[in-house]
Amino acid sequence: MSFKALGILGMMLTVVVITIVYVLDTTGNSMVRDSANQRVEAQVETVAQSLGQLSNSVGTVALSLANTLSLQDSDTVIEQKLANMFRNPHIRDMVASGGFWPEPYLYDPDKVKSSVFIVIEDDGSFRRINDYNEVDATPYQLSEWYAPARYAKEKAYWSRAYIDPYTNEPMVTCTVPIFSENLFVGVVTIDVRLERLQAFLTRSGEKLGGYMLMFDRGGAMMSFPDAKYSHDPSLTPLPSVKEIASHEPDFAELALVISQATQGERLLRQSNPNVMDLAKAIVASSPEVDLGYAVSVASDLMPDLSLFSSTERLFIHRLETDPILDETTLVFGRTLPETNWTLVGALPERLLLVEATQLKNDLFFAMALVSILLVCITYVTIHLQIVRPMARVRNALVQQKGDTPFAPIDYPEKDELVCWSQSLTS
């Protein structure tokens, strides 16, 4: 009987193991993959929060500048205030330049341009550049980084990415308006080196096991993984998603995913008449801004929290052939509040599968170990409570074989089996 019980328990163990394997290969496999995806998405979210902290630091310094500068300050005093703010330890590694840009005729009825613009040198010193005030220079008040700030109050506006004409490096500008007695009188700006953000994203992508991209609200690429597109002579210095797709067919699917995600939010924003009115005003104030871009800017400057809450996840998509990694990849897209940049994190599916397989194997061995332990406990219990008492009763009866009737069994444990056996012998 002991061997039969062992055989039955062995069959039970086999059924349990088969059930565990089936569950892990169906529901368990899906749950493990979802868990791996969530961990990767959490890492992308962590990078997004770090970028948000960087942009918030720059915006906070710009707001402080707007509150610190006075219209009565001389150019020399303004230069010094700018330089002191730009040396803030939280932003000094990112800042390339910045300035104070007053409205036309603010100081002189015959003077349209009177900016104070300084460039920060590598050694921490600064120098002033007066080119924007030249007679033949286009009025800076018409620039994309200036015009939308007219409609922002106590809020930083982040421009589209551009190539700086003096340093020839990619940058983005944080602009904060200045008001005097509720009258708009100009802006202060801080120019941020995208090279610093590129280095941060490169490190984050390598840590993730894939890569990371970032696009501004206009769709221009602000970072280049391993400089894949940054030195392509057929592309502009800061190519848009569509431009890259037109030159790189492998990029078309990812470009379509990004465009659909951002266009969907833009269409939602256009349903707000207040946003559309502000967007049209921004377009009228700058020839560098089209209506589509202005809608994005306007919805950030006057958010309707009932409609335009921050997006936790913009998209998640599986690429059969990633244009950069050249393998099956999962890409995660997310918008960054305030700046409205789009952060894209990509991870090869094989790494997710390795992680999922490892986790599944760990679960299998843990569940199998528990199952074996339970079967062993069950076997020992059956052997001690059923098999061994029955064997003792049988041996006692065998010893009484003969012509005389069976006598009551002398057995110390008075369980049901013994009582039943003694009733037969009495």
Protein backbone atom coordinates (compact mmCIF):
# COMPACT_ATOMS: atom_id res chain seq x y z
CA MET A 1 0.00 0.00 0.00
CA SER A 2 2.88 2.37 0.75
CA PHE A 3 4.15 1.96 -2.79
CA LYS A 4 0.67 2.51 -4.21
CA ALA A 5 0.30 5.71 -2.17
CA LEU A 6 3.67 6.84 -3.39
CA GLY A 7 2.64 6.13 -6.97
CA ILE A 8 -0.60 8.09 -6.55
CA LEU A 9 1.29 11.01 -5.06
CA GLY A 10 3.79 10.83 -7.91
CA MET A 11 0.94 11.08 -10.38
CA MET A 12 -0.42 14.05 -8.42
CA LEU A 13 3.00 15.71 -8.53
CA THR A 14 3.20 15.17 -12.27
CA VAL A 15 -0.23 16.75 -12.74
CA VAL A 16 0.78 19.68 -10.53
CA VAL A 17 4.01 20.27 -12.48
CA ILE A 18 2.17 20.09 -15.82
CA THR A 19 -0.41 22.55 -14.50
CA ILE A 20 2.34 24.93 -13.33
CA VAL A 21 4.05 24.79 -16.73
CA TYR A 22 0.77 25.41 -18.54
CA VAL A 23 -0.15 28.36 -16.33
CA LEU A 24 3.32 29.91 -16.68
CA ASP A 25 3.28 29.49 -20.47
CA THR A 26 -0.14 31.14 -20.78
CA THR A 27 -1.32 33.53 -18.10
CA GLY A 28 1.99 33.59 -16.24
CA ASN A 29 4.01 34.41 -19.36
CA SER A 30 1.70 37.32 -20.16
CA MET A 31 1.89 38.61 -16.59
CA VAL A 32 5.67 38.33 -16.55
CA ARG A 33 5.99 40.24 -19.83
CA ASP A 34 3.64 42.92 -18.54
CA SER A 35 5.72 43.19 -15.40
CA ALA A 36 8.92 43.54 -17.44
CA ASN A 37 7.29 46.20 -19.63
CA GLN A 38 6.19 48.10 -16.56
CA ARG A 39 9.71 48.09 -15.16
CA VAL A 40 11.12 49.44 -18.41
CA GLU A 41 8.40 52.06 -18.57
CA ALA A 42 9.21 52.99 -14.98
CA GLN A 43 12.83 53.57 -16.01
CA VAL A 44 11.69 55.80 -18.86
CA GLU A 45 9.49 57.65 -16.39
CA THR A 46 12.49 58.13 -14.10
CA VAL A 47 14.46 59.71 -16.95
CA ALA A 48 11.47 61.91 -17.77
CA GLN A 49 11.29 63.09 -14.18
CA SER A 50 15.02 63.89 -14.20
CA LEU A 51 14.59 65.94 -17.37
CA GLY A 52 11.60 67.63 -15.78
CA GLN A 53 13.71 68.58 -12.78
CA LEU A 54 16.39 70.04 -15.05
CA SER A 55 13.88 72.10 -16.99
CA ASN A 56 12.20 73.21 -13.75
CA SER A 57 15.56 74.35 -12.38
CA VAL A 58 16.21 76.46 -15.48
CA GLY A 59 12.66 77.82 -15.41
CA THR A 60 12.97 78.73 -11.73
CA VAL A 61 16.20 80.66 -12.36
CA ALA A 62 14.59 82.45 -15.32
CA LEU A 63 11.60 83.42 -13.18
CA SER A 64 13.97 84.72 -10.51
CA LEU A 65 15.72 86.81 -13.14
CA ALA A 66 12.42 88.26 -14.30
CA ASN A 67 11.65 89.30 -10.72
CA THR A 68 15.17 90.59 -10.04
CA LEU A 69 15.80 92.77 -13.08
CA SER A 70 14.63 96.37 -12.95
CA LEU A 71 13.95 98.70 -15.85
CA GLN A 72 16.10 101.24 -14.08
CA ASP A 73 19.17 98.95 -14.09
CA SER A 74 22.05 99.95 -16.32
CA ASP A 75 23.36 97.51 -18.94
CA THR A 76 26.37 96.77 -16.76
CA VAL A 77 24.20 95.90 -13.78
CA ILE A 78 21.97 93.71 -15.96
CA GLU A 79 25.01 91.88 -17.33
CA GLN A 80 26.24 91.14 -13.83
CA LYS A 81 22.83 89.97 -12.63
CA LEU A 82 22.56 87.65 -15.62
CA ALA A 83 26.05 86.23 -15.06
CA ASN A 84 25.41 85.66 -11.36
CA MET A 85 22.17 83.80 -12.06
CA PHE A 86 23.77 81.68 -14.79
CA ARG A 87 26.41 80.50 -12.32
CA ASN A 88 23.72 78.76 -10.26
CA PRO A 89 25.20 75.31 -9.47
CA HIS A 90 22.02 73.53 -10.57
CA ILE A 91 22.16 74.85 -14.14
CA ARG A 92 25.64 76.27 -14.87
CA ASP A 93 26.79 73.17 -16.78
CA MET A 94 23.84 73.49 -19.15
CA VAL A 95 23.68 77.25 -19.71
CA ALA A 96 25.37 78.65 -22.82
CA SER A 97 23.98 82.18 -22.86
CA GLY A 98 20.99 84.36 -22.11
CA GLY A 99 19.80 87.90 -21.85
CA PHE A 100 17.28 90.61 -21.23
CA TRP A 101 15.14 91.58 -24.24
CA PRO A 102 12.94 94.68 -23.80
CA GLU A 103 9.97 95.65 -25.92
CA PRO A 104 10.49 98.14 -28.81
CA TYR A 105 10.88 101.81 -27.84
CA LEU A 106 10.86 100.97 -24.12
CA TYR A 107 13.91 103.16 -23.42
CA ASP A 108 14.09 105.28 -26.54
CA PRO A 109 11.20 106.28 -28.85
CA ASP A 110 13.54 105.82 -31.81
CA LYS A 111 15.13 102.54 -30.72
CA VAL A 112 13.46 99.20 -31.53
CA LYS A 113 16.18 96.89 -30.19
CA SER A 114 18.09 97.32 -26.94
CA SER A 115 18.88 93.83 -25.65
CA VAL A 116 21.55 92.82 -23.16
CA PHE A 117 22.79 89.39 -24.27
CA ILE A 118 25.78 87.59 -22.74
CA VAL A 119 27.60 84.36 -23.54
CA ILE A 120 29.14 82.23 -20.78
CA GLU A 121 32.70 81.13 -21.49
CA ASP A 122 34.18 77.78 -20.47
CA ASP A 123 36.09 79.38 -17.60
CA GLY A 124 32.90 80.90 -16.15
CA SER A 125 33.52 84.43 -17.43
CA PHE A 126 31.09 86.15 -19.77
CA ARG A 127 31.11 88.50 -22.72
CA ARG A 128 28.38 90.59 -24.23
CA ILE A 129 27.19 90.18 -27.83
CA ASN A 130 25.44 93.16 -29.36
CA ASP A 131 24.65 91.71 -32.80
CA TYR A 132 20.92 91.43 -32.11
CA ASN A 133 20.78 95.22 -31.71
CA GLU A 134 22.36 96.03 -35.07
CA VAL A 135 20.31 98.20 -37.41
CA ASP A 136 20.13 95.53 -40.12
CA ALA A 137 19.22 92.71 -37.67
CA THR A 138 15.66 91.38 -37.69
CA PRO A 139 13.78 92.62 -34.61
CA TYR A 140 14.12 89.93 -31.98
CA GLN A 141 10.56 90.68 -30.87
CA LEU A 142 9.36 88.68 -33.90
CA SER A 143 11.31 85.56 -32.94
CA GLU A 144 9.61 82.31 -32.03
CA TRP A 145 11.33 82.25 -28.65
CA TYR A 146 10.03 85.78 -27.84
CA ALA A 147 6.53 86.25 -29.24
CA PRO A 148 4.60 83.55 -27.28
CA ALA A 149 5.95 84.89 -23.98
CA ARG A 150 3.72 87.96 -24.38
CA TYR A 151 0.82 85.74 -23.39
CA ALA A 152 2.48 83.91 -20.50
CA LYS A 153 2.26 85.18 -16.95
CA GLU A 154 4.59 83.80 -14.29
CA LYS A 155 5.27 80.85 -16.57
CA ALA A 156 8.32 79.72 -18.53
CA TYR A 157 8.03 79.13 -22.26
CA TRP A 158 10.40 76.66 -23.93
CA SER A 159 11.24 77.36 -27.56
CA ARG A 160 11.74 74.87 -30.32
CA ALA A 161 15.25 73.49 -30.73
CA TYR A 162 17.62 75.46 -32.98
CA ILE A 163 21.27 75.81 -34.00
CA ASP A 164 22.93 78.76 -32.29
CA PRO A 165 24.40 81.13 -34.92
CA TYR A 166 27.42 81.99 -32.74
CA THR A 167 28.48 78.63 -31.33
CA ASN A 168 26.95 76.47 -34.10
CA GLU A 169 25.65 74.02 -31.50
CA PRO A 170 22.07 72.86 -30.88
CA MET A 171 20.20 74.72 -28.17
CA VAL A 172 16.78 75.41 -26.74
CA THR A 173 15.69 78.64 -25.03
CA CYS A 174 13.71 79.12 -21.84
CA THR A 175 11.84 82.44 -21.94
CA VAL A 176 10.05 84.20 -19.08
CA PRO A 177 8.06 87.43 -19.55
CA ILE A 178 8.59 90.59 -17.52
CA PHE A 179 5.61 92.72 -16.53
CA SER A 180 5.63 96.17 -15.02
CA GLU A 181 2.32 97.27 -13.55
CA ASN A 182 0.60 94.50 -15.57
CA LEU A 183 2.21 95.81 -18.76
CA PHE A 184 4.40 93.47 -20.79
CA VAL A 185 7.84 95.08 -21.10
CA GLY A 186 10.07 92.28 -22.36
CA VAL A 187 11.55 88.88 -21.56
CA VAL A 188 14.56 87.20 -20.04
CA THR A 189 16.05 84.12 -21.66
CA ILE A 190 18.33 81.25 -20.76
CA ASP A 191 19.84 79.22 -23.60
CA VAL A 192 20.43 75.55 -22.74
CA ARG A 193 22.99 73.37 -24.51
CA LEU A 194 21.30 70.30 -25.96
CA GLU A 195 24.69 68.61 -25.88
CA ARG A 196 24.29 68.26 -22.11
CA LEU A 197 20.86 66.69 -22.47
CA GLN A 198 22.23 64.45 -25.22
CA ALA A 199 24.93 63.12 -22.92
CA PHE A 200 22.38 62.45 -20.18
CA LEU A 201 20.04 60.64 -22.58
CA THR A 202 22.90 58.59 -24.02
CA ARG A 203 23.89 57.38 -20.56
CA SER A 204 20.27 56.66 -19.70
CA GLY A 205 19.75 54.71 -22.92
CA GLU A 206 22.86 52.61 -22.34
CA LYS A 207 21.73 51.88 -18.80
CA LEU A 208 18.35 50.84 -20.15
CA GLY A 209 19.98 48.53 -22.69
CA GLY A 210 18.63 50.40 -25.72
CA TYR A 211 18.50 54.09 -26.55
CA MET A 212 16.54 57.26 -25.91
CA LEU A 213 15.38 60.03 -28.22
CA MET A 214 13.83 63.38 -27.50
CA PHE A 215 11.81 65.66 -29.77
CA ASP A 216 10.65 69.20 -29.19
CA ARG A 217 6.99 70.19 -29.44
CA GLY A 218 7.47 70.87 -33.15
CA GLY A 219 8.79 67.35 -33.82
CA ALA A 220 12.47 68.31 -34.25
CA MET A 221 14.95 65.77 -32.95
CA MET A 222 16.80 67.18 -29.95
CA SER A 223 19.04 64.15 -29.34
CA PHE A 224 20.78 61.71 -31.63
CA PRO A 225 21.61 58.17 -30.44
CA ASP A 226 25.29 57.54 -31.24
CA ALA A 227 25.13 60.56 -33.57
CA LYS A 228 23.26 58.40 -36.10
CA TYR A 229 21.50 61.34 -37.74
CA SER A 230 23.46 64.31 -36.47
CA HIS A 231 26.11 64.12 -39.21
CA ASP A 232 23.88 63.14 -42.13
CA PRO A 233 24.48 65.85 -44.77
CA SER A 234 21.10 65.14 -46.38
CA LEU A 235 19.28 66.26 -43.23
CA THR A 236 18.97 69.64 -41.58
CA PRO A 237 20.94 70.05 -38.33
CA LEU A 238 17.83 69.35 -36.26
CA PRO A 239 15.66 67.16 -38.50
CA SER A 240 12.00 66.57 -37.81
CA VAL A 241 10.42 63.15 -37.49
CA LYS A 242 8.94 63.43 -40.98
CA GLU A 243 12.22 64.58 -42.50
CA ILE A 244 14.13 61.63 -41.07
CA ALA A 245 11.42 59.25 -42.29
CA SER A 246 11.64 60.67 -45.82
CA HIS A 247 15.40 59.98 -45.91
CA GLU A 248 15.41 56.83 -43.77
CA PRO A 249 12.55 54.47 -44.77
CA ASP A 250 13.22 52.26 -41.73
CA PHE A 251 12.31 55.20 -39.52
CA ALA A 252 8.86 55.60 -41.11
CA GLU A 253 6.95 53.35 -38.70
CA LEU A 254 8.33 55.03 -35.59
CA ALA A 255 7.73 58.45 -37.16
CA LEU A 256 4.11 57.50 -37.84
CA VAL A 257 3.59 56.33 -34.25
CA ILE A 258 5.02 59.56 -32.83
CA SER A 259 3.06 61.75 -35.26
CA GLN A 260 -0.25 60.01 -34.57
CA ALA A 261 0.22 60.30 -30.82
CA THR A 262 1.06 64.01 -30.90
CA GLN A 263 -1.50 64.87 -33.57
CA GLY A 264 -4.23 63.21 -31.52
CA GLU A 265 -3.58 65.54 -28.60
CA ARG A 266 -3.33 68.52 -30.93
CA LEU A 267 -6.77 67.80 -32.43
CA LEU A 268 -8.22 67.64 -28.92
CA ARG A 269 -6.69 71.01 -28.08
CA GLN A 270 -8.13 72.61 -31.20
CA SER A 271 -11.64 71.97 -29.87
CA ASN A 272 -11.11 74.71 -27.26
CA PRO A 273 -12.02 78.11 -28.79
CA ASN A 274 -9.90 79.99 -26.24
CA VAL A 275 -6.84 78.01 -27.25
CA MET A 276 -7.51 78.69 -30.91
CA ASP A 277 -7.89 82.44 -30.31
CA LEU A 278 -4.59 82.57 -28.45
CA ALA A 279 -2.89 80.46 -31.13
CA LYS A 280 -4.01 82.89 -33.82
CA ALA A 281 -2.68 85.81 -31.77
CA ILE A 282 0.69 84.07 -31.45
CA VAL A 283 0.81 83.44 -35.21
CA ALA A 284 0.07 87.12 -35.86
CA SER A 285 2.91 88.19 -33.58
CA SER A 286 5.65 86.07 -35.19
CA PRO A 287 6.29 85.01 -38.79
CA GLU A 288 8.30 82.06 -37.46
CA VAL A 289 5.25 80.32 -35.95
CA ASP A 290 2.59 78.38 -37.87
CA LEU A 291 -0.89 77.60 -36.57
CA GLY A 292 -0.21 73.95 -35.69
CA TYR A 293 2.77 74.86 -33.55
CA ALA A 294 0.91 77.81 -32.03
CA VAL A 295 -1.94 75.51 -30.91
CA SER A 296 0.56 73.42 -28.96
CA VAL A 297 2.05 76.53 -27.38
CA ALA A 298 -1.32 78.08 -26.58
CA SER A 299 -2.63 74.96 -24.85
CA ASP A 300 0.45 74.98 -22.62
CA LEU A 301 0.16 78.66 -21.78
CA MET A 302 -3.51 78.38 -20.82
CA PRO A 303 -4.16 74.74 -19.88
CA ASP A 304 -7.69 73.53 -19.30
CA LEU A 305 -7.17 70.91 -16.61
CA SER A 306 -10.47 69.26 -17.44
CA LEU A 307 -9.24 68.48 -20.93
CA PHE A 308 -5.49 68.77 -21.09
CA SER A 309 -4.15 66.84 -18.13
CA SER A 310 -0.56 65.68 -18.42
CA THR A 311 -0.17 62.43 -20.29
CA GLU A 312 1.41 59.67 -18.25
CA ARG A 313 2.08 57.54 -21.31
CA LEU A 314 1.88 58.83 -24.85
CA PHE A 315 2.30 55.45 -26.54
CA ILE A 316 3.83 51.99 -26.35
CA HIS A 317 4.60 50.24 -29.62
CA ARG A 318 6.39 47.14 -30.89
CA LEU A 319 8.70 47.67 -33.87
CA GLU A 320 9.52 44.57 -35.88
CA THR A 321 12.71 46.22 -37.14
CA ASP A 322 13.96 49.17 -35.16
CA PRO A 323 15.69 51.80 -37.37
CA ILE A 324 18.56 52.19 -34.91
CA LEU A 325 18.97 48.78 -33.24
CA ASP A 326 17.95 46.82 -36.36
CA GLU A 327 15.98 44.27 -34.34
CA THR A 328 12.56 43.81 -32.78
CA THR A 329 12.15 46.55 -30.21
CA LEU A 330 9.58 47.95 -27.81
CA VAL A 331 9.37 51.76 -27.77
CA PHE A 332 7.77 53.85 -25.05
CA GLY A 333 6.74 57.46 -25.65
CA ARG A 334 5.94 60.09 -23.08
CA THR A 335 5.39 63.84 -23.08
CA LEU A 336 7.14 66.05 -20.54
CA PRO A 337 4.86 68.61 -18.90
CA GLU A 338 5.74 72.30 -19.24
CA THR A 339 8.27 71.81 -22.05
CA ASN A 340 5.98 69.53 -24.09
CA TRP A 341 8.99 67.56 -25.28
CA THR A 342 8.47 63.96 -26.35
CA LEU A 343 10.76 61.40 -24.75
CA VAL A 344 11.09 58.03 -26.50
CA GLY A 345 12.78 55.07 -24.83
CA ALA A 346 13.53 51.90 -26.78
CA LEU A 347 14.57 48.45 -25.54
CA PRO A 348 15.27 45.32 -27.63
CA GLU A 349 12.56 42.71 -27.15
CA ARG A 350 15.20 40.02 -26.65
CA LEU A 351 16.27 41.69 -23.40
CA LEU A 352 12.68 41.72 -22.21
CA LEU A 353 12.34 38.05 -23.19
CA VAL A 354 15.50 37.16 -21.29
CA GLU A 355 14.20 38.96 -18.24
CA ALA A 356 10.76 37.41 -18.62
CA THR A 357 12.23 33.90 -19.10
CA GLN A 358 14.47 34.26 -16.07
CA LEU A 359 11.57 35.43 -13.94
CA LYS A 360 9.37 32.63 -15.26
CA ASN A 361 12.05 30.03 -14.47
CA ASP A 362 12.41 31.42 -10.97
CA LEU A 363 8.65 31.17 -10.50
CA PHE A 364 8.60 27.62 -11.87
CA PHE A 365 11.32 26.36 -9.56
CA ALA A 366 9.75 28.10 -6.56
CA MET A 367 6.31 26.65 -7.30
CA ALA A 368 7.75 23.20 -8.09
CA LEU A 369 9.71 23.20 -4.84
CA VAL A 370 6.60 24.08 -2.86
CA SER A 371 4.64 21.37 -4.69
CA ILE A 372 7.29 18.72 -3.96
CA LEU A 373 7.38 19.77 -0.32
CA LEU A 374 3.59 19.50 -0.06
CA VAL A 375 3.61 16.05 -1.71
CA CYS A 376 6.34 14.87 0.66
CA ILE A 377 4.40 16.14 3.67
CA THR A 378 1.26 14.43 2.35
CA TYR A 379 3.13 11.17 1.80
CA VAL A 380 4.65 11.20 5.28
CA THR A 381 1.26 12.00 6.81
CA ILE A 382 -0.45 9.16 4.93
CA HIS A 383 2.33 6.76 5.85
CA LEU A 384 2.27 7.67 9.55
CA GLN A 385 -1.51 7.97 9.97
CA ILE A 386 -2.77 5.22 7.66
CA VAL A 387 -0.15 2.91 6.18
CA ARG A 388 1.88 2.22 9.34
CA PRO A 389 -1.16 1.54 11.62
CA MET A 390 -2.61 -0.81 8.99
CA ALA A 391 0.71 -2.62 8.72
CA ARG A 392 0.85 -3.11 12.48
CA VAL A 393 -2.70 -4.43 12.61
CA ARG A 394 -1.93 -6.81 9.78
CA ASN A 395 1.20 -8.08 11.50
CA ALA A 396 -0.70 -8.58 14.77
CA LEU A 397 -3.40 -10.58 12.99
CA VAL A 398 -0.84 -12.65 11.13
CA GLN A 399 0.82 -13.60 14.43
CA GLN A 400 -2.55 -14.93 15.74
CA LYS A 401 -3.08 -17.31 12.83
CA GLY A 402 -4.17 -20.77 13.95
CA ASP A 403 -7.20 -22.75 15.01
CA THR A 404 -8.01 -20.49 17.95
CA PRO A 405 -10.18 -17.40 17.51
CA PHE A 406 -8.52 -14.00 17.13
CA ALA A 407 -7.83 -12.27 20.42
CA PRO A 408 -8.07 -8.49 20.94
CA ILE A 409 -5.00 -6.68 19.63
CA ASP A 410 -2.73 -5.06 22.19
CA TYR A 411 -2.07 -1.73 20.37
CA PRO A 412 -1.35 1.46 22.33
CA GLU A 413 -2.82 3.89 19.79
CA LYS A 414 -6.61 3.62 20.00
CA ASP A 415 -7.48 5.05 16.60
CA GLU A 416 -10.46 4.13 14.45
CA LEU A 417 -8.60 1.44 12.56
CA VAL A 418 -7.53 -0.37 15.75
CA CYS A 419 -11.00 -0.11 17.28
CA TRP A 420 -12.49 -1.57 14.11
CA SER A 421 -9.99 -4.44 14.12
CA GLN A 422 -10.64 -5.24 17.80
CA SER A 423 -14.35 -5.32 17.18
CA LEU A 424 -13.75 -8.09 14.66
CA THR A 425 -11.81 -10.17 17.18
CA SER A 426 -14.15 -9.80 20.11
